Amino acid sequence: MKVFATIAATVAVASAESWTPVNTGAARGYACLKDGLPAGASARDCGIQASDYTKHCVPFADGQCAMSLADAEANCGAIDACAGVFCAPFYSDATRCLARSASELAFESVKMVAGVYNVLKPARVANVDDLAKVFEGPDAADLSFKCDTRNCANWECKEWCHCFDEKAEHYGLYEHRGCGSDGADVCKCKTSTFYPISEEDKMFVQKASTIPEVITVEGACGTSEEANGKYTQMEVTARGKNTWVNANTGYEIKFEAGSDWGAKELIKGDGWTIFGDLHHRYYIAADGDDSFFTPPHAEWTTRFPNNCAPTLKY
């Protein structure tokens, strides 16, 4: 797969004169996007890093630039690259909002969560929709067929630039089609046309988009009793799949594959693990599309003999 890069997103002249929350519940910029990297790249690849703006940022999750809502006007305003902020009620007051560049705000949030919102920099951005304008190429009819993801193994940069769908990438559709990134080439695209994906692909993305925000683990016992509790979905992914973390115990639910220790030594294939206190506690194989998106509810295998098999609720 050619790694997709968006260069020079369109920025409109602002008509707003105040810092006002917009896009409540469907904020853009949840995932970081840095020029030259695929959409939804790691938080370490954010365009605005706290280490570069120590006077205006509070370090947050892999070095992102965070700030309180009250400080957004002063701090984002002082950073030229900052076009606005992504804010979430589940972040602490001091790190409520994350600084985002115009190109990061050009993409819709990969998570639609009640209460999230954007605050845009006046005189820089009038409307987030203005950031997402796309270029219609002269051979649109031909590309609409070529943009079927079942053809992605044969795509060159021309097709990737016109056909790439950020949500499809985030939810692993290209990897599912055998077009996962090999990191070998970068397509430097000015924009993307975002042709509609097929009905089959829409079903794949729909299943992936219903991934739960919170998973509750019950029934664990013995030396793995701390696996019980609520796990919250994190921005960081493992093998392209979501991860969930128990904030009270630090235990983690994650997907493992290939040479990952849990996949190689326990599952003997791809699947899910519950990891905590330096050990893999539970594991289960992924045996179909549904289980590749979300960990199964039951029938987990215990690694240690004195532990009880847990149940996942969501």
Protein backbone atom coordinates (compact mmCIF):
# COMPACT_ATOMS: atom_id res chain seq x y z
CA MET A 1 0.00 0.00 0.00
CA LYS A 2 1.20 3.50 -0.77
CA VAL A 3 1.18 5.55 2.41
CA PHE A 4 -1.32 8.38 2.02
CA ALA A 5 -0.28 11.94 2.82
CA THR A 6 -2.42 15.04 2.67
CA ILE A 7 -0.60 18.24 1.79
CA ALA A 8 -1.91 21.81 1.96
CA ALA A 9 -5.49 21.42 3.15
CA THR A 10 -7.77 24.25 2.06
CA VAL A 11 -8.23 26.91 4.77
CA ALA A 12 -11.01 29.48 4.56
CA VAL A 13 -10.85 33.06 5.79
CA ALA A 14 -12.69 33.32 9.07
CA SER A 15 -15.81 35.31 9.66
CA ALA A 16 -16.01 34.39 13.36
CA GLU A 17 -14.53 36.83 15.86
CA SER A 18 -14.66 34.73 19.03
CA TRP A 19 -13.55 31.35 20.29
CA THR A 20 -16.84 29.42 20.28
CA PRO A 21 -17.32 25.63 20.62
CA VAL A 22 -18.63 23.99 17.41
CA ASN A 23 -19.28 20.46 16.08
CA THR A 24 -20.51 19.19 19.43
CA GLY A 25 -20.63 15.39 19.46
CA ALA A 26 -18.89 15.06 16.10
CA ALA A 27 -15.68 17.01 16.54
CA ARG A 28 -12.85 16.76 14.05
CA GLY A 29 -9.22 16.22 14.88
CA TYR A 30 -9.56 13.37 17.40
CA ALA A 31 -6.87 11.49 15.50
CA CYS A 32 -3.57 13.19 14.76
CA LEU A 33 -2.53 13.75 11.18
CA LYS A 34 0.88 14.98 10.18
CA ASP A 35 1.89 15.74 6.59
CA GLY A 36 3.66 12.74 5.11
CA LEU A 37 1.95 10.20 7.37
CA PRO A 38 -1.28 8.21 7.01
CA ALA A 39 -4.46 9.53 8.61
CA GLY A 40 -4.94 8.21 12.12
CA ALA A 41 -1.20 7.88 12.76
CA SER A 42 0.10 7.52 16.32
CA ALA A 43 -0.24 10.41 18.74
CA ARG A 44 3.55 10.60 18.62
CA ASP A 45 3.10 11.94 15.08
CA CYS A 46 0.92 14.91 15.98
CA GLY A 47 1.82 18.03 14.07
CA ILE A 48 1.95 20.09 17.29
CA GLN A 49 4.09 18.54 20.02
CA ALA A 50 4.16 19.80 23.62
CA SER A 51 7.96 19.64 23.66
CA ASP A 52 8.09 22.29 20.90
CA TYR A 53 5.80 24.73 22.73
CA THR A 54 6.59 24.31 26.42
CA LYS A 55 5.17 27.73 27.35
CA HIS A 56 1.79 26.99 25.83
CA CYS A 57 1.28 23.22 26.18
CA VAL A 58 0.69 20.66 28.89
CA PRO A 59 2.20 17.31 27.77
CA PHE A 60 -0.49 14.70 27.14
CA ALA A 61 -0.55 11.10 25.78
CA ASP A 62 2.60 10.53 23.74
CA GLY A 63 3.61 14.19 23.73
CA GLN A 64 0.47 15.83 22.39
CA CYS A 65 -0.04 19.52 23.15
CA ALA A 66 -2.91 19.89 25.63
CA MET A 67 -4.43 22.88 27.42
CA SER A 68 -7.47 23.84 29.42
CA LEU A 69 -10.47 25.29 27.62
CA ALA A 70 -9.90 28.57 29.46
CA ASP A 71 -6.34 28.75 28.08
CA ALA A 72 -7.19 27.71 24.52
CA GLU A 73 -7.51 31.24 23.19
CA ALA A 74 -4.15 32.35 24.59
CA ASN A 75 -2.17 29.17 24.00
CA CYS A 76 -3.53 27.98 20.65
CA GLY A 77 -3.55 31.63 19.59
CA ALA A 78 0.17 31.89 20.28
CA ILE A 79 1.05 28.84 18.18
CA ASP A 80 1.04 29.65 14.46
CA ALA A 81 0.47 26.03 13.46
CA CYS A 82 -2.59 25.70 15.70
CA ALA A 83 -5.86 26.16 13.78
CA GLY A 84 -8.05 25.08 16.69
CA VAL A 85 -8.48 22.47 19.40
CA PHE A 86 -10.26 19.15 19.92
CA CYS A 87 -11.89 19.07 23.36
CA ALA A 88 -13.40 16.15 25.29
CA PRO A 89 -15.27 16.12 28.62
CA PHE A 90 -13.55 12.88 29.66
CA TYR A 91 -10.12 14.58 29.70
CA SER A 92 -9.07 16.43 32.87
CA ASP A 93 -9.62 20.19 33.12
CA ALA A 94 -5.93 20.96 32.58
CA THR A 95 -5.75 18.82 29.43
CA ARG A 96 -9.34 19.23 28.23
CA CYS A 97 -8.35 20.42 24.73
CA LEU A 98 -5.70 19.19 22.26
CA ALA A 99 -4.03 21.55 19.78
CA ARG A 100 -4.60 20.62 16.16
CA SER A 101 -3.26 21.93 12.85
CA ALA A 102 -5.51 22.80 9.90
CA SER A 103 -4.71 19.50 8.15
CA GLU A 104 -5.64 17.54 11.28
CA LEU A 105 -8.94 19.37 11.55
CA ALA A 106 -9.63 18.63 7.88
CA PHE A 107 -10.54 15.06 8.80
CA GLU A 108 -13.68 14.01 10.62
CA SER A 109 -13.19 12.48 14.03
CA VAL A 110 -12.88 8.71 14.01
CA LYS A 111 -14.96 8.59 17.17
CA MET A 112 -18.38 10.16 17.54
CA VAL A 113 -18.71 10.75 21.27
CA ALA A 114 -21.27 12.79 23.18
CA GLY A 115 -19.81 16.03 24.45
CA VAL A 116 -16.70 16.35 22.28
CA TYR A 117 -16.32 19.62 20.38
CA ASN A 118 -13.93 21.91 18.51
CA VAL A 119 -12.90 25.48 19.19
CA LEU A 120 -11.49 27.13 16.06
CA LYS A 121 -9.01 29.97 15.84
CA PRO A 122 -10.73 33.19 14.64
CA ALA A 123 -9.30 34.74 11.47
CA ARG A 124 -7.84 31.35 10.57
CA VAL A 125 -10.78 29.00 10.05
CA ALA A 126 -14.38 29.96 9.38
CA ASN A 127 -15.93 26.53 9.12
CA VAL A 128 -14.35 23.11 9.53
CA ASP A 129 -16.21 21.94 6.43
CA ASP A 130 -14.14 24.44 4.43
CA LEU A 131 -11.06 22.41 5.36
CA ALA A 132 -12.41 19.27 3.74
CA LYS A 133 -13.01 20.52 0.19
CA VAL A 134 -11.77 18.00 -2.36
CA PHE A 135 -10.52 17.97 -5.92
CA GLU A 136 -12.59 16.25 -8.61
CA GLY A 137 -10.26 14.76 -11.20
CA PRO A 138 -11.03 14.68 -14.96
CA ASP A 139 -11.33 10.89 -15.00
CA ALA A 140 -13.79 10.59 -12.11
CA ALA A 141 -16.01 7.98 -13.78
CA ASP A 142 -13.11 5.62 -14.37
CA LEU A 143 -11.79 6.08 -10.83
CA SER A 144 -15.19 5.36 -9.26
CA PHE A 145 -14.78 1.74 -10.39
CA LYS A 146 -11.10 1.56 -9.56
CA CYS A 147 -11.85 2.85 -6.05
CA ASP A 148 -13.48 -0.44 -5.09
CA THR A 149 -11.13 -1.55 -2.30
CA ARG A 150 -11.03 -5.07 -3.73
CA ASN A 151 -8.76 -3.52 -6.37
CA CYS A 152 -6.48 -1.73 -3.90
CA ALA A 153 -3.57 -4.15 -4.38
CA ASN A 154 -3.23 -2.72 -7.90
CA TRP A 155 -3.58 0.95 -6.94
CA GLU A 156 -0.81 3.39 -7.76
CA CYS A 157 -0.46 6.85 -6.24
CA LYS A 158 -3.08 8.23 -8.64
CA GLU A 159 -5.71 5.87 -7.23
CA TRP A 160 -4.60 6.21 -3.59
CA CYS A 161 -4.82 9.99 -3.82
CA HIS A 162 -8.35 9.85 -5.22
CA CYS A 163 -9.71 6.81 -3.42
CA PHE A 164 -8.27 6.83 0.09
CA ASP A 165 -10.91 6.81 2.85
CA GLU A 166 -9.66 7.80 6.30
CA LYS A 167 -12.30 5.85 8.22
CA ALA A 168 -11.69 2.74 6.13
CA GLU A 169 -7.98 3.01 6.97
CA HIS A 170 -8.65 3.55 10.66
CA TYR A 171 -10.86 0.49 10.90
CA GLY A 172 -8.42 -1.75 9.03
CA LEU A 173 -10.30 -2.17 5.76
CA TYR A 174 -7.19 -1.84 3.57
CA GLU A 175 -5.27 -4.32 5.69
CA HIS A 176 -8.29 -6.63 5.47
CA ARG A 177 -8.06 -6.38 1.67
CA GLY A 178 -4.35 -7.21 1.72
CA CYS A 179 -3.25 -3.62 1.11
CA GLY A 180 -1.72 -2.83 4.48
CA SER A 181 1.05 -0.24 4.54
CA ASP A 182 4.56 -1.55 3.97
CA GLY A 183 6.06 1.87 4.62
CA ALA A 184 7.99 1.71 1.34
CA ASP A 185 6.41 4.56 -0.60
CA VAL A 186 4.67 7.81 0.19
CA CYS A 187 2.10 9.35 -2.15
CA LYS A 188 2.25 13.11 -1.82
CA CYS A 189 -1.31 14.08 -2.65
CA LYS A 190 -2.66 17.60 -2.64
CA THR A 191 -6.15 16.35 -1.76
CA SER A 192 -8.37 13.29 -1.90
CA THR A 193 -11.68 12.87 -3.68
CA PHE A 194 -13.08 10.32 -1.19
CA TYR A 195 -15.18 8.28 -3.61
CA PRO A 196 -17.92 6.28 -1.86
CA ILE A 197 -16.81 2.82 -0.80
CA SER A 198 -18.82 -0.25 -1.81
CA GLU A 199 -21.78 -1.64 0.16
CA GLU A 200 -19.61 -4.54 1.30
CA ASP A 201 -16.97 -2.13 2.54
CA LYS A 202 -19.61 0.01 4.23
CA MET A 203 -20.74 -3.05 6.18
CA PHE A 204 -17.16 -3.68 7.27
CA VAL A 205 -16.75 -0.08 8.46
CA GLN A 206 -20.19 -0.13 10.11
CA LYS A 207 -19.24 -3.15 12.21
CA ALA A 208 -15.96 -1.51 13.13
CA SER A 209 -17.64 1.79 14.05
CA THR A 210 -19.84 0.11 16.67
CA ILE A 211 -16.82 -0.76 18.79
CA PRO A 212 -17.70 -0.04 22.45
CA GLU A 213 -16.21 2.87 24.36
CA VAL A 214 -16.25 0.92 27.63
CA ILE A 215 -15.82 -2.81 28.31
CA THR A 216 -16.54 -4.28 31.73
CA VAL A 217 -14.64 -7.41 32.76
CA GLU A 218 -16.23 -9.65 35.40
CA GLY A 219 -15.46 -13.05 36.90
CA ALA A 220 -11.66 -12.94 36.98
CA CYS A 221 -10.22 -14.43 40.16
CA GLY A 222 -7.05 -15.69 41.81
CA THR A 223 -3.83 -13.90 40.90
CA SER A 224 -5.63 -12.18 38.03
CA GLU A 225 -8.50 -10.73 40.07
CA GLU A 226 -7.36 -7.19 39.19
CA ALA A 227 -8.42 -7.86 35.62
CA ASN A 228 -11.99 -7.09 36.75
CA GLY A 229 -13.43 -3.62 36.23
CA LYS A 230 -14.13 -1.05 33.54
CA TYR A 231 -11.82 -0.60 30.58
CA THR A 232 -11.95 2.58 28.50
CA GLN A 233 -11.10 2.70 24.81
CA MET A 234 -7.80 4.46 24.14
CA GLU A 235 -6.55 6.47 21.17
CA VAL A 236 -3.47 4.24 20.87
CA THR A 237 -4.01 1.07 18.84
CA ALA A 238 -2.28 -2.32 18.69
CA ARG A 239 -1.97 -4.04 15.30
CA GLY A 240 -4.47 -1.52 13.95
CA LYS A 241 -7.13 -2.55 16.49
CA ASN A 242 -8.50 -0.59 19.43
CA THR A 243 -7.14 -1.06 22.91
CA TRP A 244 -8.90 -0.64 26.25
CA VAL A 245 -7.25 0.19 29.58
CA ASN A 246 -8.43 -0.25 33.17
CA ALA A 247 -7.53 3.10 34.73
CA ASN A 248 -7.58 1.63 38.25
CA THR A 249 -5.24 -1.33 37.71
CA GLY A 250 -3.42 -0.54 34.48
CA TYR A 251 -4.60 -3.81 32.91
CA GLU A 252 -5.05 -3.71 29.14
CA ILE A 253 -7.18 -5.48 26.53
CA LYS A 254 -5.35 -5.55 23.20
CA PHE A 255 -5.10 -7.40 19.89
CA GLU A 256 -1.97 -9.43 19.18
CA ALA A 257 -0.75 -10.98 15.94
CA GLY A 258 2.36 -12.17 14.15
CA SER A 259 5.43 -12.09 16.39
CA ASP A 260 3.63 -10.56 19.39
CA TRP A 261 4.33 -12.74 22.42
CA GLY A 262 0.69 -13.51 23.21
CA ALA A 263 -0.08 -14.44 19.61
CA LYS A 264 3.01 -16.59 19.19
CA GLU A 265 3.20 -18.32 22.57
CA LEU A 266 -0.41 -18.50 23.76
CA ILE A 267 -2.98 -18.05 20.99
CA LYS A 268 -0.90 -19.65 18.22
CA GLY A 269 -2.45 -17.13 15.87
CA ASP A 270 -4.21 -13.77 15.90
CA GLY A 271 -6.42 -12.82 18.83
CA TRP A 272 -7.05 -10.84 21.98
CA THR A 273 -5.24 -10.78 25.31
CA ILE A 274 -5.79 -9.27 28.75
CA PHE A 275 -2.41 -8.11 30.02
CA GLY A 276 -1.53 -6.71 33.43
CA ASP A 277 1.14 -6.61 36.12
CA LEU A 278 3.80 -7.70 33.60
CA HIS A 279 1.93 -10.85 32.52
CA HIS A 280 -0.53 -12.02 29.90
CA ARG A 281 -3.49 -13.18 32.01
CA TYR A 282 -6.13 -14.28 29.51
CA TYR A 283 -6.31 -14.88 25.76
CA ILE A 284 -8.73 -15.85 23.00
CA ALA A 285 -8.40 -16.42 19.24
CA ALA A 286 -10.10 -14.11 16.74
CA ASP A 287 -12.16 -16.37 14.50
CA GLY A 288 -14.08 -14.03 12.21
CA ASP A 289 -14.71 -10.42 11.19
CA ASP A 290 -16.70 -9.56 14.32
CA SER A 291 -14.03 -10.80 16.71
CA PHE A 292 -11.37 -8.95 14.74
CA PHE A 293 -13.14 -5.70 15.65
CA THR A 294 -14.11 -6.34 19.27
CA PRO A 295 -12.95 -8.87 21.89
CA PRO A 296 -15.42 -11.77 22.34
CA HIS A 297 -17.68 -11.78 25.39
CA ALA A 298 -16.78 -15.19 26.78
CA GLU A 299 -14.79 -18.44 26.42
CA TRP A 300 -11.50 -16.79 27.26
CA THR A 301 -8.61 -19.09 28.18
CA THR A 302 -6.84 -18.59 31.49
CA ARG A 303 -3.07 -18.67 31.40
CA PHE A 304 -2.66 -19.53 35.08
CA PRO A 305 -4.44 -22.57 36.63
CA ASN A 306 -5.74 -20.76 39.74
CA ASN A 307 -7.59 -18.10 37.69
CA CYS A 308 -11.25 -18.01 36.65
CA ALA A 309 -12.28 -17.31 33.07
CA PRO A 310 -13.69 -13.77 32.75
CA THR A 311 -16.75 -12.44 30.94
CA LEU A 312 -16.68 -9.20 28.94
CA LYS A 313 -19.77 -6.99 28.90
CA TYR A 314 -20.46 -4.07 26.54
